[in-house]
Amino acid sequence: MTRQTFWFSGDSAGEAGTSPATEFAGLRGYREGEEISIVGAEAHHATVKRLRLGEVVDVVDGLGWRAGAEVVAAQNSRLRLRLLADAVADPVPPLRLTLIQALAKEKRDLQALESAVEMGAWRVIPWGATRSVSRWDTVTKRAKGREKWRNLAVSAMKQSRQARLAEVSEYLESGGDIVPEPQGAETQSVKPAANTIFSEVEAMVQGGTAVFVLHELATEHLAQMLIPLARAGQTPEDIAVIVGPEGGITAPELTAFTAAGARPALLGPTVLRCSSAGPAALAVIQSQLGSWRGTPPESR
């Protein structure tokens, strides 16, 4: 039987007696026999699953630490667990993967987020693209939208048995400096403005991140573009993938991304929905450069 996985969050640490002013250290330093409390929605989840006293579960903290534990008390608002061994840290992944995902209709952006986290995304950036049907255009929408994305990231982390929680960054838009593309226009000269998705990409590239923007008009395949990066000493620590909404990335947006240092890339001969394009790209990267790459026989 598969063990249930629970998230030991900062809220749970506060219940355990950690001062709110103290930086949350997760499960680091917890030893066999010590007890911890899971509170809030996580504790309610345990009630729904009807956990029994003595049942063994896994606990992760979102910071890379995990431990096996047994249930010693279960109530609606609190789950009490006793560690069966010292908490241990998961290996640090060889790549930090970022998905820049445009908001999309019919919850396809949420599908992309969930799959990306399951595939090991380190960070996800919600993006209000020119052709995004929905927008987080108020403070309330941004707060609720980000919370919804983060809750889904927590669920995907537990589902995939990971100990690190992907960061859901601040929502960014293309910006007012993007002029609506006129009929028949192929490109526009666009200068990235502050606090836009383009200025964020520019900063990422300047910091050493390899950024790829998926587009059907690209001439190079992502898999081929990764080959030079696989050479010894040339693999970047951070790689990001940009995925547009269902209507696609506009010509001015593509121009702005390219000017910021992103490289247009093609996945394959078919056009994928935005719900699957990002996760598919991350899978390609993981298999060639990341934690899914097998160890060559001569290295074993």
C-alpha atoms as a PDB file:
ATOM      1  CA  MET A   1       0.000   0.000   0.000  1.00  0.00           C
ATOM      2  CA  THR A   2       1.308   3.455  -0.959  1.00  0.00           C
ATOM      3  CA  ARG A   3       2.024   5.728   1.964  1.00  0.00           C
ATOM      4  CA  GLN A   4       0.195   9.022   2.280  1.00  0.00           C
ATOM      5  CA  THR A   5       2.418  12.100   2.065  1.00  0.00           C
ATOM      6  CA  PHE A   6       1.894  15.186   4.242  1.00  0.00           C
ATOM      7  CA  TRP A   7       3.394  18.666   4.118  1.00  0.00           C
ATOM      8  CA  PHE A   8       5.043  19.999   7.262  1.00  0.00           C
ATOM      9  CA  SER A   9       4.712  23.738   6.569  1.00  0.00           C
ATOM     10  CA  GLY A  10       5.674  26.901   8.361  1.00  0.00           C
ATOM     11  CA  ASP A  11       2.160  27.020   9.853  1.00  0.00           C
ATOM     12  CA  SER A  12       2.696  23.574  11.333  1.00  0.00           C
ATOM     13  CA  ALA A  13       6.063  24.639  12.737  1.00  0.00           C
ATOM     14  CA  GLY A  14       4.356  27.577  14.423  1.00  0.00           C
ATOM     15  CA  GLU A  15       1.950  25.197  16.094  1.00  0.00           C
ATOM     16  CA  ALA A  16       4.930  23.161  17.273  1.00  0.00           C
ATOM     17  CA  GLY A  17       6.282  26.171  19.153  1.00  0.00           C
ATOM     18  CA  THR A  18       8.584  27.859  16.639  1.00  0.00           C
ATOM     19  CA  SER A  19       8.547  31.634  16.957  1.00  0.00           C
ATOM     20  CA  PRO A  20       6.933  33.382  13.946  1.00  0.00           C
ATOM     21  CA  ALA A  21      10.030  35.589  13.798  1.00  0.00           C
ATOM     22  CA  THR A  22      12.269  32.525  13.427  1.00  0.00           C
ATOM     23  CA  GLU A  23      13.068  31.468   9.879  1.00  0.00           C
ATOM     24  CA  PHE A  24      11.320  28.197   9.064  1.00  0.00           C
ATOM     25  CA  ALA A  25      13.919  25.414   8.949  1.00  0.00           C
ATOM     26  CA  GLY A  26      11.538  22.609   8.047  1.00  0.00           C
ATOM     27  CA  LEU A  27      12.436  19.110   9.164  1.00  0.00           C
ATOM     28  CA  ARG A  28      16.150  19.825   9.306  1.00  0.00           C
ATOM     29  CA  GLY A  29      17.503  18.650  12.663  1.00  0.00           C
ATOM     30  CA  TYR A  30      14.472  16.568  13.653  1.00  0.00           C
ATOM     31  CA  ARG A  31      15.448  13.206  15.139  1.00  0.00           C
ATOM     32  CA  GLU A  32      13.897   9.778  15.457  1.00  0.00           C
ATOM     33  CA  GLY A  33      11.249   9.728  18.181  1.00  0.00           C
ATOM     34  CA  GLU A  34      10.457  13.445  18.076  1.00  0.00           C
ATOM     35  CA  GLU A  35       6.865  14.481  17.450  1.00  0.00           C
ATOM     36  CA  ILE A  36       5.517  17.106  15.052  1.00  0.00           C
ATOM     37  CA  SER A  37       2.049  18.501  14.357  1.00  0.00           C
ATOM     38  CA  ILE A  38       0.385  18.934  10.967  1.00  0.00           C
ATOM     39  CA  VAL A  39      -2.373  21.561  11.077  1.00  0.00           C
ATOM     40  CA  GLY A  40      -5.019  23.181   8.899  1.00  0.00           C
ATOM     41  CA  ALA A  41      -5.975  21.753   5.532  1.00  0.00           C
ATOM     42  CA  GLU A  42      -3.292  19.073   5.765  1.00  0.00           C
ATOM     43  CA  ALA A  43      -4.777  17.786   9.038  1.00  0.00           C
ATOM     44  CA  HIS A  44      -8.257  17.825   7.512  1.00  0.00           C
ATOM     45  CA  HIS A  45      -6.896  15.789   4.593  1.00  0.00           C
ATOM     46  CA  ALA A  46      -5.787  13.136   7.090  1.00  0.00           C
ATOM     47  CA  THR A  47      -9.313  13.011   8.503  1.00  0.00           C
ATOM     48  CA  VAL A  48     -10.796  12.563   5.045  1.00  0.00           C
ATOM     49  CA  LYS A  49      -8.338   9.740   4.370  1.00  0.00           C
ATOM     50  CA  ARG A  50      -9.330   8.174   7.725  1.00  0.00           C
ATOM     51  CA  LEU A  51      -5.811   7.593   8.927  1.00  0.00           C
ATOM     52  CA  ARG A  52      -5.537   5.142  11.803  1.00  0.00           C
ATOM     53  CA  LEU A  53      -3.356   5.397  14.883  1.00  0.00           C
ATOM     54  CA  GLY A  54      -0.031   3.724  14.196  1.00  0.00           C
ATOM     55  CA  GLU A  55      -0.337   4.138  10.415  1.00  0.00           C
ATOM     56  CA  VAL A  56       2.956   5.024   8.723  1.00  0.00           C
ATOM     57  CA  VAL A  57       3.113   8.119   6.480  1.00  0.00           C
ATOM     58  CA  ASP A  58       5.755  10.233   4.759  1.00  0.00           C
ATOM     59  CA  VAL A  59       6.355  13.856   5.749  1.00  0.00           C
ATOM     60  CA  VAL A  60       8.044  16.476   3.547  1.00  0.00           C
ATOM     61  CA  ASP A  61       8.742  20.123   4.309  1.00  0.00           C
ATOM     62  CA  GLY A  62       8.984  21.709   0.847  1.00  0.00           C
ATOM     63  CA  LEU A  63      12.628  22.603   1.555  1.00  0.00           C
ATOM     64  CA  GLY A  64      14.117  19.265   0.525  1.00  0.00           C
ATOM     65  CA  TRP A  65      13.833  17.295   3.793  1.00  0.00           C
ATOM     66  CA  ARG A  66      11.696  14.223   4.462  1.00  0.00           C
ATOM     67  CA  ALA A  67      11.026  11.610   7.139  1.00  0.00           C
ATOM     68  CA  GLY A  68       8.894   8.556   7.792  1.00  0.00           C
ATOM     69  CA  ALA A  69       6.463   8.913  10.702  1.00  0.00           C
ATOM     70  CA  GLU A  70       3.615   7.155  12.480  1.00  0.00           C
ATOM     71  CA  VAL A  71       0.281   8.647  13.459  1.00  0.00           C
ATOM     72  CA  VAL A  72      -0.085   9.126  17.208  1.00  0.00           C
ATOM     73  CA  ALA A  73      -3.167  11.385  17.175  1.00  0.00           C
ATOM     74  CA  ALA A  74      -5.601  12.552  14.483  1.00  0.00           C
ATOM     75  CA  GLN A  75      -8.219  15.271  14.871  1.00  0.00           C
ATOM     76  CA  ASN A  76      -9.967  17.609  12.448  1.00  0.00           C
ATOM     77  CA  SER A  77      -7.544  20.476  13.075  1.00  0.00           C
ATOM     78  CA  ARG A  78      -4.342  18.667  14.017  1.00  0.00           C
ATOM     79  CA  LEU A  79      -2.431  15.537  13.047  1.00  0.00           C
ATOM     80  CA  ARG A  80       0.246  14.421  15.491  1.00  0.00           C
ATOM     81  CA  LEU A  81       3.122  12.346  14.130  1.00  0.00           C
ATOM     82  CA  ARG A  82       6.169  10.634  15.657  1.00  0.00           C
ATOM     83  CA  LEU A  83       9.266  10.353  13.462  1.00  0.00           C
ATOM     84  CA  LEU A  84      10.453   6.796  12.813  1.00  0.00           C
ATOM     85  CA  ALA A  85      13.937   7.957  11.756  1.00  0.00           C
ATOM     86  CA  ASP A  86      16.015  11.101  11.527  1.00  0.00           C
ATOM     87  CA  ALA A  87      14.911  13.510   8.817  1.00  0.00           C
ATOM     88  CA  VAL A  88      17.060  13.255   5.687  1.00  0.00           C
ATOM     89  CA  ALA A  89      17.670  15.643   2.796  1.00  0.00           C
ATOM     90  CA  ASP A  90      16.892  14.700  -0.786  1.00  0.00           C
ATOM     91  CA  PRO A  91      19.761  15.082  -3.277  1.00  0.00           C
ATOM     92  CA  VAL A  92      19.913  18.551  -4.831  1.00  0.00           C
ATOM     93  CA  PRO A  93      18.723  18.271  -8.454  1.00  0.00           C
ATOM     94  CA  PRO A  94      21.338  19.008 -11.135  1.00  0.00           C
ATOM     95  CA  LEU A  95      19.075  21.628 -12.763  1.00  0.00           C
ATOM     96  CA  ARG A  96      16.754  24.344 -11.528  1.00  0.00           C
ATOM     97  CA  LEU A  97      13.907  24.380 -14.033  1.00  0.00           C
ATOM     98  CA  THR A  98      11.523  27.304 -14.466  1.00  0.00           C
ATOM     99  CA  LEU A  99       8.262  27.299 -16.403  1.00  0.00           C
ATOM    100  CA  ILE A 100       6.935  30.681 -17.523  1.00  0.00           C
ATOM    101  CA  GLN A 101       3.300  29.775 -18.191  1.00  0.00           C
ATOM    102  CA  ALA A 102       0.771  32.115 -19.796  1.00  0.00           C
ATOM    103  CA  LEU A 103      -2.695  32.181 -18.254  1.00  0.00           C
ATOM    104  CA  ALA A 104      -5.017  30.075 -20.390  1.00  0.00           C
ATOM    105  CA  LYS A 105      -8.679  29.169 -20.636  1.00  0.00           C
ATOM    106  CA  GLU A 106     -10.362  25.965 -19.456  1.00  0.00           C
ATOM    107  CA  LYS A 107      -7.791  25.514 -16.657  1.00  0.00           C
ATOM    108  CA  ARG A 108      -5.105  24.460 -19.112  1.00  0.00           C
ATOM    109  CA  ASP A 109      -2.610  26.672 -17.300  1.00  0.00           C
ATOM    110  CA  LEU A 110      -3.356  24.746 -14.100  1.00  0.00           C
ATOM    111  CA  GLN A 111      -2.845  21.442 -15.907  1.00  0.00           C
ATOM    112  CA  ALA A 112       0.530  22.703 -17.121  1.00  0.00           C
ATOM    113  CA  LEU A 113       1.489  23.842 -13.631  1.00  0.00           C
ATOM    114  CA  GLU A 114       0.579  20.508 -12.047  1.00  0.00           C
ATOM    115  CA  SER A 115       2.482  18.417 -14.580  1.00  0.00           C
ATOM    116  CA  ALA A 116       5.491  20.742 -14.527  1.00  0.00           C
ATOM    117  CA  VAL A 117       5.809  20.446 -10.748  1.00  0.00           C
ATOM    118  CA  GLU A 118       5.506  16.668 -10.954  1.00  0.00           C
ATOM    119  CA  MET A 119       8.360  16.712 -13.477  1.00  0.00           C
ATOM    120  CA  GLY A 120      10.603  18.663 -11.141  1.00  0.00           C
ATOM    121  CA  ALA A 121      10.013  22.347 -11.907  1.00  0.00           C
ATOM    122  CA  TRP A 122      11.827  24.515  -9.364  1.00  0.00           C
ATOM    123  CA  ARG A 123       9.853  27.676 -10.149  1.00  0.00           C
ATOM    124  CA  VAL A 124       6.693  28.660 -12.039  1.00  0.00           C
ATOM    125  CA  ILE A 125       5.919  32.198 -13.210  1.00  0.00           C
ATOM    126  CA  PRO A 126       2.288  33.058 -14.091  1.00  0.00           C
ATOM    127  CA  TRP A 127       2.204  35.338 -17.123  1.00  0.00           C
ATOM    128  CA  GLY A 128      -0.607  37.518 -18.466  1.00  0.00           C
ATOM    129  CA  ALA A 129       0.137  37.366 -22.194  1.00  0.00           C
ATOM    130  CA  THR A 130      -1.413  39.606 -24.832  1.00  0.00           C
ATOM    131  CA  ARG A 131      -3.712  36.795 -25.968  1.00  0.00           C
ATOM    132  CA  SER A 132      -4.502  35.407 -22.505  1.00  0.00           C
ATOM    133  CA  VAL A 133      -8.284  35.308 -22.158  1.00  0.00           C
ATOM    134  CA  SER A 134      -8.132  35.688 -18.372  1.00  0.00           C
ATOM    135  CA  ARG A 135      -6.072  38.269 -16.514  1.00  0.00           C
ATOM    136  CA  TRP A 136      -5.113  38.796 -12.900  1.00  0.00           C
ATOM    137  CA  ASP A 137      -5.726  42.512 -13.313  1.00  0.00           C
ATOM    138  CA  THR A 138      -6.589  43.372  -9.703  1.00  0.00           C
ATOM    139  CA  VAL A 139      -4.770  42.936  -6.402  1.00  0.00           C
ATOM    140  CA  THR A 140      -7.473  40.510  -5.262  1.00  0.00           C
ATOM    141  CA  LYS A 141      -7.253  38.410  -8.421  1.00  0.00           C
ATOM    142  CA  ARG A 142      -3.483  38.240  -8.160  1.00  0.00           C
ATOM    143  CA  ALA A 143      -3.582  37.138  -4.535  1.00  0.00           C
ATOM    144  CA  LYS A 144      -6.281  34.514  -5.145  1.00  0.00           C
ATOM    145  CA  GLY A 145      -4.702  33.297  -8.365  1.00  0.00           C
ATOM    146  CA  ARG A 146      -1.275  32.884  -6.838  1.00  0.00           C
ATOM    147  CA  GLU A 147      -2.724  31.091  -3.808  1.00  0.00           C
ATOM    148  CA  LYS A 148      -4.615  28.702  -6.096  1.00  0.00           C
ATOM    149  CA  TRP A 149      -1.464  27.958  -8.075  1.00  0.00           C
ATOM    150  CA  ARG A 150       0.565  27.432  -4.888  1.00  0.00           C
ATOM    151  CA  ASN A 151      -2.008  25.027  -3.431  1.00  0.00           C
ATOM    152  CA  LEU A 152      -1.882  23.017  -6.639  1.00  0.00           C
ATOM    153  CA  ALA A 153       1.918  23.028  -6.500  1.00  0.00           C
ATOM    154  CA  VAL A 154       1.748  21.580  -2.977  1.00  0.00           C
ATOM    155  CA  SER A 155      -0.622  18.849  -4.171  1.00  0.00           C
ATOM    156  CA  ALA A 156       1.650  18.008  -7.122  1.00  0.00           C
ATOM    157  CA  MET A 157       4.712  17.922  -4.848  1.00  0.00           C
ATOM    158  CA  LYS A 158       3.054  15.360  -2.589  1.00  0.00           C
ATOM    159  CA  GLN A 159       1.631  13.352  -5.482  1.00  0.00           C
ATOM    160  CA  SER A 160       5.084  12.993  -7.043  1.00  0.00           C
ATOM    161  CA  ARG A 161       6.721  12.191  -3.661  1.00  0.00           C
ATOM    162  CA  GLN A 162       9.037  15.183  -3.829  1.00  0.00           C
ATOM    163  CA  ALA A 163      10.390  17.048  -0.805  1.00  0.00           C
ATOM    164  CA  ARG A 164      10.945  20.420  -2.519  1.00  0.00           C
ATOM    165  CA  LEU A 165       8.061  22.770  -3.221  1.00  0.00           C
ATOM    166  CA  ALA A 166       8.193  24.712  -6.473  1.00  0.00           C
ATOM    167  CA  GLU A 167       8.096  28.480  -6.043  1.00  0.00           C
ATOM    168  CA  VAL A 168       5.085  30.233  -7.570  1.00  0.00           C
ATOM    169  CA  SER A 169       6.448  33.672  -8.396  1.00  0.00           C
ATOM    170  CA  GLU A 170       4.691  37.009  -8.736  1.00  0.00           C
ATOM    171  CA  TYR A 171       2.337  37.418 -11.674  1.00  0.00           C
ATOM    172  CA  LEU A 172       3.810  39.382 -14.582  1.00  0.00           C
ATOM    173  CA  GLU A 173       2.347  40.775 -17.798  1.00  0.00           C
ATOM    174  CA  SER A 174       3.716  41.670 -21.195  1.00  0.00           C
ATOM    175  CA  GLY A 175       3.424  45.353 -20.294  1.00  0.00           C
ATOM    176  CA  GLY A 176       1.906  48.465 -21.773  1.00  0.00           C
ATOM    177  CA  ASP A 177       4.901  49.024 -24.045  1.00  0.00           C
ATOM    178  CA  ILE A 178       3.739  46.159 -26.266  1.00  0.00           C
ATOM    179  CA  VAL A 179       1.802  47.789 -29.117  1.00  0.00           C
ATOM    180  CA  PRO A 180      -1.130  45.688 -30.424  1.00  0.00           C
ATOM    181  CA  GLU A 181       0.049  44.002 -33.579  1.00  0.00           C
ATOM    182  CA  PRO A 182      -1.534  45.540 -36.694  1.00  0.00           C
ATOM    183  CA  GLN A 183      -3.063  43.399 -39.416  1.00  0.00           C
ATOM    184  CA  GLY A 184      -0.354  41.619 -41.392  1.00  0.00           C
ATOM    185  CA  ALA A 185       2.518  42.750 -39.156  1.00  0.00           C
ATOM    186  CA  GLU A 186       5.198  40.145 -38.630  1.00  0.00           C
ATOM    187  CA  THR A 187       7.477  41.843 -36.104  1.00  0.00           C
ATOM    188  CA  GLN A 188       7.661  44.943 -33.937  1.00  0.00           C
ATOM    189  CA  SER A 189      10.676  46.542 -32.298  1.00  0.00           C
ATOM    190  CA  VAL A 190       9.922  46.340 -28.585  1.00  0.00           C
ATOM    191  CA  LYS A 191      12.075  47.522 -25.710  1.00  0.00           C
ATOM    192  CA  PRO A 192      11.454  45.660 -22.420  1.00  0.00           C
ATOM    193  CA  ALA A 193      10.032  47.901 -19.685  1.00  0.00           C
ATOM    194  CA  ALA A 194      10.525  47.494 -15.955  1.00  0.00           C
ATOM    195  CA  ASN A 195       8.402  44.925 -14.104  1.00  0.00           C
ATOM    196  CA  THR A 196       7.292  43.009 -17.186  1.00  0.00           C
ATOM    197  CA  ILE A 197       7.829  39.420 -18.178  1.00  0.00           C
ATOM    198  CA  PHE A 198      10.492  40.662 -20.612  1.00  0.00           C
ATOM    199  CA  SER A 199      12.529  42.466 -17.954  1.00  0.00           C
ATOM    200  CA  GLU A 200      12.310  39.309 -15.818  1.00  0.00           C
ATOM    201  CA  VAL A 201      13.588  37.147 -18.686  1.00  0.00           C
ATOM    202  CA  GLU A 202      16.353  39.641 -19.397  1.00  0.00           C
ATOM    203  CA  ALA A 203      17.468  39.494 -15.750  1.00  0.00           C
ATOM    204  CA  MET A 204      17.360  35.685 -15.815  1.00  0.00           C
ATOM    205  CA  VAL A 205      19.530  35.526 -18.943  1.00  0.00           C
ATOM    206  CA  GLN A 206      22.024  38.003 -17.490  1.00  0.00           C
ATOM    207  CA  GLY A 207      22.190  35.784 -14.396  1.00  0.00           C
ATOM    208  CA  GLY A 208      23.200  32.757 -16.468  1.00  0.00           C
ATOM    209  CA  THR A 209      19.822  31.104 -17.103  1.00  0.00           C
ATOM    210  CA  ALA A 210      19.299  29.479 -20.497  1.00  0.00           C
ATOM    211  CA  VAL A 211      15.804  30.556 -21.612  1.00  0.00           C
ATOM    212  CA  PHE A 212      13.850  28.918 -24.436  1.00  0.00           C
ATOM    213  CA  VAL A 213      10.576  30.288 -25.813  1.00  0.00           C
ATOM    214  CA  LEU A 214       8.436  27.619 -27.473  1.00  0.00           C
ATOM    215  CA  HIS A 215       7.026  28.775 -30.804  1.00  0.00           C
ATOM    216  CA  GLU A 216       5.740  26.948 -33.861  1.00  0.00           C
ATOM    217  CA  LEU A 217       7.710  29.216 -36.209  1.00  0.00           C
ATOM    218  CA  ALA A 218      11.035  28.398 -34.560  1.00  0.00           C
ATOM    219  CA  THR A 219      13.528  26.648 -36.806  1.00  0.00           C
ATOM    220  CA  GLU A 220      15.621  24.794 -34.208  1.00  0.00           C
ATOM    221  CA  HIS A 221      14.429  21.821 -32.188  1.00  0.00           C
ATOM    222  CA  LEU A 222      14.813  22.018 -28.418  1.00  0.00           C
ATOM    223  CA  ALA A 223      16.408  18.570 -28.224  1.00  0.00           C
ATOM    224  CA  GLN A 224      19.119  19.606 -30.682  1.00  0.00           C
ATOM    225  CA  MET A 225      19.697  22.935 -28.912  1.00  0.00           C
ATOM    226  CA  LEU A 226      20.395  21.068 -25.667  1.00  0.00           C
ATOM    227  CA  ILE A 227      23.193  18.922 -27.112  1.00  0.00           C
ATOM    228  CA  PRO A 228      25.935  21.590 -26.774  1.00  0.00           C
ATOM    229  CA  LEU A 229      24.765  22.257 -23.207  1.00  0.00           C
ATOM    230  CA  ALA A 230      25.351  18.599 -22.296  1.00  0.00           C
ATOM    231  CA  ARG A 231      29.092  18.913 -22.841  1.00  0.00           C
ATOM    232  CA  ALA A 232      31.257  18.836 -19.742  1.00  0.00           C
ATOM    233  CA  GLY A 233      31.292  22.154 -17.946  1.00  0.00           C
ATOM    234  CA  GLN A 234      28.730  23.825 -20.231  1.00  0.00           C
ATOM    235  CA  THR A 235      25.460  22.781 -18.622  1.00  0.00           C
ATOM    236  CA  PRO A 236      23.812  25.787 -16.921  1.00  0.00           C
ATOM    237  CA  GLU A 237      22.373  25.415 -13.444  1.00  0.00           C
ATOM    238  CA  ASP A 238      19.143  27.137 -14.489  1.00  0.00           C
ATOM    239  CA  ILE A 239      16.979  26.558 -17.554  1.00  0.00           C
ATOM    240  CA  ALA A 240      13.621  28.213 -18.248  1.00  0.00           C
ATOM    241  CA  VAL A 241      10.878  27.485 -20.772  1.00  0.00           C
ATOM    242  CA  ILE A 242       8.279  30.030 -21.937  1.00  0.00           C
ATOM    243  CA  VAL A 243       4.834  28.831 -23.065  1.00  0.00           C
ATOM    244  CA  GLY A 244       2.167  31.112 -24.500  1.00  0.00           C
ATOM    245  CA  PRO A 245      -1.641  30.913 -24.211  1.00  0.00           C
ATOM    246  CA  GLU A 246      -3.978  28.999 -26.522  1.00  0.00           C
ATOM    247  CA  GLY A 247      -3.920  31.831 -29.047  1.00  0.00           C
ATOM    248  CA  GLY A 248      -0.145  31.751 -29.136  1.00  0.00           C
ATOM    249  CA  ILE A 249       2.625  34.242 -28.520  1.00  0.00           C
ATOM    250  CA  THR A 250       2.283  37.408 -30.619  1.00  0.00           C
ATOM    251  CA  ALA A 251       4.981  38.560 -33.003  1.00  0.00           C
ATOM    252  CA  PRO A 252       5.859  41.583 -30.811  1.00  0.00           C
ATOM    253  CA  GLU A 253       6.098  39.341 -27.746  1.00  0.00           C
ATOM    254  CA  LEU A 254       8.371  36.888 -29.554  1.00  0.00           C
ATOM    255  CA  THR A 255      10.560  39.796 -30.683  1.00  0.00           C
ATOM    256  CA  ALA A 256      10.745  41.123 -27.114  1.00  0.00           C
ATOM    257  CA  PHE A 257      11.637  37.712 -25.686  1.00  0.00           C
ATOM    258  CA  THR A 258      14.371  37.288 -28.287  1.00  0.00           C
ATOM    259  CA  ALA A 259      15.719  40.770 -27.539  1.00  0.00           C
ATOM    260  CA  ALA A 260      15.820  39.822 -23.852  1.00  0.00           C
ATOM    261  CA  GLY A 261      18.007  36.816 -24.652  1.00  0.00           C
ATOM    262  CA  ALA A 262      15.493  33.958 -24.982  1.00  0.00           C
ATOM    263  CA  ARG A 263      15.980  31.488 -27.827  1.00  0.00           C
ATOM    264  CA  PRO A 264      12.965  30.359 -29.922  1.00  0.00           C
ATOM    265  CA  ALA A 265      12.638  26.579 -29.887  1.00  0.00           C
ATOM    266  CA  LEU A 266      10.484  23.938 -31.524  1.00  0.00           C
ATOM    267  CA  LEU A 267       9.423  20.784 -29.720  1.00  0.00           C
ATOM    268  CA  GLY A 268       8.503  18.593 -32.674  1.00  0.00           C
ATOM    269  CA  PRO A 269       6.400  18.235 -35.817  1.00  0.00           C
ATOM    270  CA  THR A 270       3.089  18.563 -33.963  1.00  0.00           C
ATOM    271  CA  VAL A 271       1.591  21.590 -32.200  1.00  0.00           C
ATOM    272  CA  LEU A 272       0.801  20.914 -28.534  1.00  0.00           C
ATOM    273  CA  ARG A 273      -1.745  22.635 -26.338  1.00  0.00           C
ATOM    274  CA  CYS A 274      -0.353  25.001 -23.730  1.00  0.00           C
ATOM    275  CA  SER A 275      -1.331  22.453 -21.070  1.00  0.00           C
ATOM    276  CA  SER A 276       1.162  19.927 -22.436  1.00  0.00           C
ATOM    277  CA  ALA A 277       3.839  21.996 -24.224  1.00  0.00           C
ATOM    278  CA  GLY A 278       5.633  23.166 -21.085  1.00  0.00           C
ATOM    279  CA  PRO A 279       5.662  19.784 -19.317  1.00  0.00           C
ATOM    280  CA  ALA A 280       6.806  18.107 -22.549  1.00  0.00           C
ATOM    281  CA  ALA A 281       9.705  20.558 -22.846  1.00  0.00           C
ATOM    282  CA  LEU A 282      10.690  19.986 -19.210  1.00  0.00           C
ATOM    283  CA  ALA A 283      10.617  16.230 -19.825  1.00  0.00           C
ATOM    284  CA  VAL A 284      13.016  16.649 -22.763  1.00  0.00           C
ATOM    285  CA  ILE A 285      15.354  18.782 -20.642  1.00  0.00           C
ATOM    286  CA  GLN A 286      15.201  16.401 -17.668  1.00  0.00           C
ATOM    287  CA  SER A 287      15.989  13.398 -19.862  1.00  0.00           C
ATOM    288  CA  GLN A 288      18.958  15.060 -21.587  1.00  0.00           C
ATOM    289  CA  LEU A 289      20.464  17.218 -18.847  1.00  0.00           C
ATOM    290  CA  GLY A 290      18.602  16.703 -15.591  1.00  0.00           C
ATOM    291  CA  SER A 291      17.678  14.124 -12.999  1.00  0.00           C
ATOM    292  CA  TRP A 292      16.064  11.784 -15.535  1.00  0.00           C
ATOM    293  CA  ARG A 293      19.309  11.318 -17.434  1.00  0.00           C
ATOM    294  CA  GLY A 294      20.697   7.813 -17.037  1.00  0.00           C
ATOM    295  CA  THR A 295      24.271   7.221 -15.971  1.00  0.00           C
ATOM    296  CA  PRO A 296      26.422   6.115 -18.942  1.00  0.00           C
ATOM    297  CA  PRO A 297      27.577   2.476 -18.594  1.00  0.00           C
ATOM    298  CA  GLU A 298      31.239   3.526 -18.542  1.00  0.00           C
ATOM    299  CA  SER A 299      30.546   5.800 -15.547  1.00  0.00           C
ATOM    300  CA  ARG A 300      28.990   3.072 -13.410  1.00  0.00           C
END
